[in-house]
Amino acid sequence: MIGLKRGTVVLYEHEKEWEAEAQKTICRLKNISGNVFKDIQHVGSTSIPSIKAKPIIDIAAAADSFDDVLAFEKELEDNGFYYRPNARSYLKNQLLFVCGSYYDGSGDLQTHFIHVVRTNSIDWLNYINFRDYLNSTPSAAKEYEALKISLALHTPEDREKYLRGKHKFIVYTLRKALAYSYLGKTVTVKIDRPIGYIHKKDKYTLTYPVNYGYIPGVAGGDGEELDVYLLGVDTPVKEYAAQIIGIVHRHSDAEDKLVAAPEGMSFTAEEITEAVKFQEQYYDSKIEIFGATKCAMYFPDR
């Protein structure tokens, strides 16, 4: 089954038909627009086989220019993709195209949402990271499904309330998904607090025993650039290309931290815990290392 009456919320068990329809839709979009879209992918709950979903196909399409996409507005509409300009008031930095009998006047169903975002933008990364994180983290997927089921039960005719009810979970999960997306990757870390840096806080003073910085242009959970502990480099540096080997999950803060080291160098969770203790002792944190099947727990003394 594909399609749902506009404004209603009903969840269905996953169907293989959804993926097939998504791929067919992606091919249609490519045929209509040529190379305007740099990447097109199936996203949203119908792209997560382990959970129930509304039977509406979400597609994320990345483009360098919105003007280039809108140049194909007539061709898209002729093929059943209707542009919704009013959606830009609440979907910032996106274009929305929709499909379904509600839009062509023949019925009341919505079947597809096409979210056009800029290539490599945070919006694109959010769509991809959220899908990939839930598909690789069954516990998070089931938590999301349970939330959706509860909200659908209490808001079957109020889609807006249903969406608001998911917001907090989505924001938190995107934060986790962003950190996970960097595990194992090599990045350039800009160091703004090198070894020996003294940082005066309201209640204490930190002296950094490791280089500490951020990934330029990547926003973390607090809206600032995503922070990184750089281990295995024993002298102060300004910039360093290193592999992300772990995550410091902060339960008592709005952001998580990444842990990096020179390529080929590894650290145990216990070694990472000791290296970052100078700062993490003030937070409720958990250390996870790349490729590990278990996480080392670190709880500061209170």
Protein backbone atom coordinates (compact mmCIF):
# COMPACT_ATOMS: atom_id res chain seq x y z
CA MET A 1 0.00 0.00 0.00
CA ILE A 2 1.21 3.50 -0.87
CA GLY A 3 -0.66 6.68 0.03
CA LEU A 4 -2.52 8.19 2.95
CA LYS A 5 -5.38 10.66 3.28
CA ARG A 6 -3.95 14.15 3.77
CA GLY A 7 -3.70 15.18 7.43
CA THR A 8 -4.17 11.69 8.87
CA VAL A 9 -1.66 9.49 10.69
CA VAL A 10 -1.80 5.70 10.22
CA LEU A 11 1.20 3.39 10.53
CA TYR A 12 1.69 0.16 8.59
CA GLU A 13 4.14 -2.71 8.76
CA HIS A 14 7.06 -2.27 6.38
CA GLU A 15 6.40 -3.38 2.81
CA LYS A 16 9.01 -4.26 0.18
CA GLU A 17 6.90 -2.32 -2.30
CA TRP A 18 8.04 0.93 -0.67
CA GLU A 19 11.68 0.48 -1.66
CA ALA A 20 10.71 -0.57 -5.18
CA GLU A 21 8.49 2.50 -5.54
CA ALA A 22 11.23 4.75 -4.17
CA GLN A 23 13.74 3.47 -6.73
CA LYS A 24 11.20 3.90 -9.53
CA THR A 25 10.56 7.47 -8.37
CA ILE A 26 14.30 8.21 -8.29
CA CYS A 27 14.64 7.00 -11.90
CA ARG A 28 11.71 9.19 -12.97
CA LEU A 29 13.25 12.26 -11.34
CA LYS A 30 16.58 11.63 -13.04
CA ASN A 31 14.93 11.18 -16.43
CA ILE A 32 12.98 14.43 -16.06
CA SER A 33 15.77 16.65 -14.73
CA GLY A 34 18.93 15.29 -16.34
CA ASN A 35 21.94 16.07 -14.17
CA VAL A 36 20.33 18.83 -12.07
CA PHE A 37 20.14 16.47 -9.08
CA LYS A 38 23.61 15.40 -7.93
CA ASP A 39 22.23 12.62 -5.74
CA ILE A 40 18.77 11.25 -4.99
CA GLN A 41 18.06 8.80 -2.16
CA HIS A 42 15.17 7.10 -0.40
CA VAL A 43 14.88 8.48 3.16
CA GLY A 44 12.34 8.67 5.98
CA SER A 45 10.62 5.83 7.81
CA THR A 46 9.75 3.85 4.66
CA SER A 47 13.54 3.47 4.13
CA ILE A 48 13.93 1.75 7.53
CA PRO A 49 12.72 -1.85 7.10
CA SER A 50 12.58 -2.66 10.83
CA ILE A 51 9.87 -0.14 11.78
CA LYS A 52 6.29 0.75 10.97
CA ALA A 53 5.70 3.83 8.85
CA LYS A 54 3.11 5.97 7.17
CA PRO A 55 2.87 4.65 3.59
CA ILE A 56 4.22 7.87 2.06
CA ILE A 57 7.55 7.73 0.22
CA ASP A 58 10.12 10.35 1.22
CA ILE A 59 12.87 11.16 -1.25
CA ALA A 60 15.83 13.50 -0.64
CA ALA A 61 17.25 15.11 -3.78
CA ALA A 62 20.47 17.14 -3.67
CA ALA A 63 21.00 20.01 -6.11
CA ASP A 64 23.61 22.73 -6.45
CA SER A 65 21.00 25.35 -7.35
CA PHE A 66 17.30 25.64 -6.49
CA ASP A 67 16.83 27.84 -9.57
CA ASP A 68 18.04 24.98 -11.75
CA VAL A 69 15.43 22.71 -10.18
CA LEU A 70 12.60 25.23 -10.54
CA ALA A 71 13.50 25.57 -14.22
CA PHE A 72 12.00 22.06 -14.53
CA GLU A 73 8.85 22.88 -12.54
CA LYS A 74 6.49 22.43 -15.50
CA GLU A 75 8.09 19.15 -16.58
CA LEU A 76 7.94 17.88 -13.01
CA GLU A 77 4.27 18.83 -12.64
CA ASP A 78 3.44 17.21 -15.99
CA ASN A 79 4.86 14.01 -14.49
CA GLY A 80 2.92 14.27 -11.23
CA PHE A 81 5.42 16.14 -9.04
CA TYR A 82 3.73 19.28 -7.70
CA TYR A 83 5.77 22.14 -6.26
CA ARG A 84 4.53 23.49 -2.91
CA PRO A 85 6.08 26.97 -2.53
CA ASN A 86 4.31 27.65 0.78
CA ALA A 87 6.25 24.79 2.37
CA ARG A 88 9.36 27.00 2.39
CA SER A 89 7.91 28.90 5.37
CA TYR A 90 8.50 25.87 7.61
CA LEU A 91 10.98 23.83 5.56
CA LYS A 92 13.82 26.32 5.48
CA ASN A 93 16.52 25.85 2.85
CA GLN A 94 14.44 23.24 1.04
CA LEU A 95 12.03 22.90 -1.87
CA LEU A 96 9.11 20.50 -1.53
CA PHE A 97 7.47 18.60 -4.38
CA VAL A 98 4.58 16.25 -3.67
CA CYS A 99 2.63 13.50 -5.40
CA GLY A 100 -0.81 12.02 -4.95
CA SER A 101 -4.42 12.27 -5.99
CA TYR A 102 -5.01 15.12 -3.53
CA TYR A 103 -2.76 17.32 -5.64
CA ASP A 104 -4.08 16.42 -9.09
CA GLY A 105 -7.67 16.79 -7.87
CA SER A 106 -8.73 13.20 -8.42
CA GLY A 107 -8.81 12.10 -4.77
CA ASP A 108 -7.52 12.72 -1.26
CA LEU A 109 -4.24 10.77 -1.07
CA GLN A 110 -0.66 11.91 -0.54
CA THR A 111 1.86 9.37 -1.83
CA HIS A 112 5.31 10.99 -2.13
CA PHE A 113 7.27 13.88 -0.62
CA ILE A 114 10.33 15.03 -2.58
CA HIS A 115 12.65 17.10 -0.36
CA VAL A 116 15.05 19.14 -2.53
CA VAL A 117 18.08 20.35 -0.57
CA ARG A 118 21.45 21.79 -1.47
CA THR A 119 24.28 19.38 -2.26
CA ASN A 120 26.34 18.44 0.82
CA SER A 121 24.25 20.75 3.04
CA ILE A 122 23.44 19.93 6.67
CA ASP A 123 19.88 19.19 5.51
CA TRP A 124 21.16 16.55 3.09
CA LEU A 125 23.43 15.04 5.74
CA ASN A 126 20.57 14.97 8.25
CA TYR A 127 18.31 12.97 5.93
CA ILE A 128 21.05 10.44 5.14
CA ASN A 129 22.55 10.22 8.64
CA PHE A 130 19.16 9.73 10.32
CA ARG A 131 18.27 6.86 7.99
CA ASP A 132 21.68 5.18 8.22
CA TYR A 133 21.87 5.53 12.01
CA LEU A 134 18.45 3.94 12.61
CA ASN A 135 19.19 1.15 10.12
CA SER A 136 22.46 0.36 11.93
CA THR A 137 21.17 0.88 15.50
CA PRO A 138 18.16 -1.42 16.12
CA SER A 139 17.55 -0.12 19.65
CA ALA A 140 17.19 3.46 18.40
CA ALA A 141 14.94 2.31 15.54
CA LYS A 142 12.62 0.49 17.93
CA GLU A 143 12.54 3.48 20.28
CA TYR A 144 11.53 5.66 17.35
CA GLU A 145 8.86 3.17 16.29
CA ALA A 146 7.41 3.04 19.82
CA LEU A 147 7.21 6.84 19.90
CA LYS A 148 5.51 6.93 16.49
CA ILE A 149 2.97 4.29 17.52
CA SER A 150 2.10 6.20 20.70
CA LEU A 151 1.75 9.50 18.85
CA ALA A 152 -0.33 7.94 16.06
CA LEU A 153 -2.67 6.45 18.67
CA HIS A 154 -3.28 9.84 20.27
CA THR A 155 -3.16 12.05 17.15
CA PRO A 156 -4.71 10.03 14.28
CA GLU A 157 -6.21 13.14 12.67
CA ASP A 158 -3.57 15.71 13.61
CA ARG A 159 -0.43 15.33 11.50
CA GLU A 160 1.09 18.57 12.80
CA LYS A 161 0.84 17.43 16.43
CA TYR A 162 2.29 14.06 15.40
CA LEU A 163 5.28 15.82 13.82
CA ARG A 164 5.81 18.07 16.86
CA GLY A 165 5.79 15.00 19.09
CA LYS A 166 8.71 13.49 17.17
CA HIS A 167 10.82 16.64 17.13
CA LYS A 168 12.78 16.13 20.36
CA PHE A 169 13.69 12.53 19.45
CA ILE A 170 14.76 13.53 15.94
CA VAL A 171 16.99 16.37 17.18
CA TYR A 172 18.68 14.06 19.71
CA THR A 173 19.09 11.26 17.17
CA LEU A 174 20.56 13.57 14.53
CA ARG A 175 23.19 14.57 17.08
CA LYS A 176 24.12 10.91 17.62
CA ALA A 177 23.92 10.12 13.92
CA LEU A 178 26.29 12.96 13.05
CA ALA A 179 28.93 11.66 15.45
CA TYR A 180 28.52 8.07 14.20
CA SER A 181 28.87 9.20 10.60
CA TYR A 182 32.50 10.23 11.27
CA LEU A 183 33.68 6.99 12.91
CA GLY A 184 36.60 5.58 10.93
CA LYS A 185 36.92 8.62 8.67
CA THR A 186 39.99 10.80 8.28
CA VAL A 187 39.32 14.49 8.89
CA THR A 188 41.29 17.68 9.28
CA VAL A 189 41.04 18.94 12.86
CA LYS A 190 41.53 22.64 13.51
CA ILE A 191 43.15 23.01 16.94
CA ASP A 192 42.01 25.99 19.01
CA ARG A 193 43.06 24.61 22.41
CA PRO A 194 46.53 23.05 22.02
CA ILE A 195 48.41 21.12 24.67
CA GLY A 196 49.02 23.43 27.62
CA TYR A 197 46.06 25.71 26.88
CA ILE A 198 44.45 27.11 30.03
CA HIS A 199 40.69 27.53 30.03
CA LYS A 200 39.15 29.32 33.01
CA LYS A 201 35.61 28.22 33.85
CA ASP A 202 33.24 29.65 36.46
CA LYS A 203 33.96 26.95 39.04
CA TYR A 204 37.27 25.46 37.87
CA THR A 205 40.23 25.91 35.52
CA LEU A 206 41.21 23.40 32.83
CA THR A 207 44.74 22.86 31.56
CA TYR A 208 44.62 20.82 28.37
CA PRO A 209 46.98 17.79 28.35
CA VAL A 210 45.91 16.94 24.77
CA ASN A 211 45.27 18.94 21.63
CA TYR A 212 41.60 19.88 21.32
CA GLY A 213 39.80 21.42 18.39
CA TYR A 214 36.97 21.02 15.90
CA ILE A 215 36.01 20.01 12.38
CA PRO A 216 35.58 23.26 10.44
CA GLY A 217 32.12 23.84 9.02
CA VAL A 218 30.45 20.94 10.86
CA ALA A 219 27.95 21.97 13.53
CA GLY A 220 27.57 19.85 16.65
CA GLY A 221 24.59 19.44 18.94
CA ASP A 222 25.12 22.84 20.58
CA GLY A 223 25.12 24.67 17.25
CA GLU A 224 28.88 25.29 17.43
CA GLU A 225 31.44 23.39 15.38
CA LEU A 226 31.85 19.70 16.26
CA ASP A 227 34.63 19.28 18.85
CA VAL A 228 37.44 16.73 18.69
CA TYR A 229 39.99 15.40 21.18
CA LEU A 230 43.25 14.68 19.32
CA LEU A 231 45.24 11.88 20.99
CA GLY A 232 48.67 10.51 20.09
CA VAL A 233 50.20 13.88 19.18
CA ASP A 234 52.44 14.97 22.04
CA THR A 235 53.26 18.51 20.92
CA PRO A 236 50.97 21.52 20.38
CA VAL A 237 49.70 21.75 16.80
CA LYS A 238 47.45 24.14 14.89
CA GLU A 239 45.93 21.62 12.50
CA TYR A 240 46.14 17.88 12.03
CA ALA A 241 44.72 15.23 9.66
CA ALA A 242 43.63 12.30 11.83
CA GLN A 243 41.26 9.36 11.92
CA ILE A 244 38.15 9.46 14.11
CA ILE A 245 38.51 6.51 16.49
CA GLY A 246 35.82 7.16 19.06
CA ILE A 247 32.92 9.18 20.43
CA VAL A 248 32.44 10.73 23.85
CA HIS A 249 28.68 10.53 24.37
CA ARG A 250 27.61 13.20 26.84
CA HIS A 251 24.30 12.41 28.52
CA SER A 252 24.31 15.61 30.56
CA ASP A 253 25.07 18.07 27.76
CA ALA A 254 23.74 19.20 24.38
CA GLU A 255 26.74 17.93 22.42
CA ASP A 256 28.99 14.91 21.96
CA LYS A 257 32.73 14.94 21.28
CA LEU A 258 34.78 12.99 18.76
CA VAL A 259 38.14 11.37 19.48
CA ALA A 260 40.85 11.33 16.78
CA ALA A 261 44.35 9.89 16.45
CA PRO A 262 47.02 9.63 13.74
CA GLU A 263 46.12 6.97 11.18
CA GLY A 264 47.26 3.53 12.26
CA MET A 265 47.35 4.47 15.96
CA SER A 266 44.77 2.95 18.29
CA PHE A 267 43.69 3.47 21.89
CA THR A 268 41.57 1.36 24.20
CA ALA A 269 38.41 2.81 25.70
CA GLU A 270 40.16 2.89 29.06
CA GLU A 271 43.07 4.88 27.59
CA ILE A 272 40.67 7.34 25.98
CA THR A 273 38.76 7.69 29.24
CA GLU A 274 41.96 8.56 31.08
CA ALA A 275 43.11 11.01 28.39
CA VAL A 276 39.86 13.01 28.38
CA LYS A 277 39.17 12.76 32.10
CA PHE A 278 40.54 16.26 32.71
CA GLN A 279 37.33 17.61 31.14
CA GLU A 280 34.85 14.73 31.03
CA GLN A 281 34.97 14.29 34.82
CA TYR A 282 32.47 17.15 34.94
CA TYR A 283 29.98 15.34 32.69
CA ASP A 284 28.01 12.09 32.61
CA SER A 285 29.84 10.49 29.69
CA LYS A 286 30.19 7.21 27.82
CA ILE A 287 33.15 6.33 25.58
CA GLU A 288 32.61 4.33 22.40
CA ILE A 289 35.50 3.27 20.19
CA PHE A 290 35.43 2.53 16.47
CA GLY A 291 34.95 -1.14 15.65
CA ALA A 292 34.22 -2.15 19.23
CA THR A 293 31.27 -4.35 20.08
CA LYS A 294 31.00 -2.85 23.56
CA CYS A 295 31.33 0.62 25.00
CA ALA A 296 33.48 1.51 27.98
CA MET A 297 31.53 3.45 30.55
CA TYR A 298 32.90 6.44 32.39
CA PHE A 299 30.94 8.09 35.17
CA PRO A 300 32.64 10.97 36.98
CA ASP A 301 32.77 11.10 40.74
CA ARG A 302 30.18 13.44 42.17
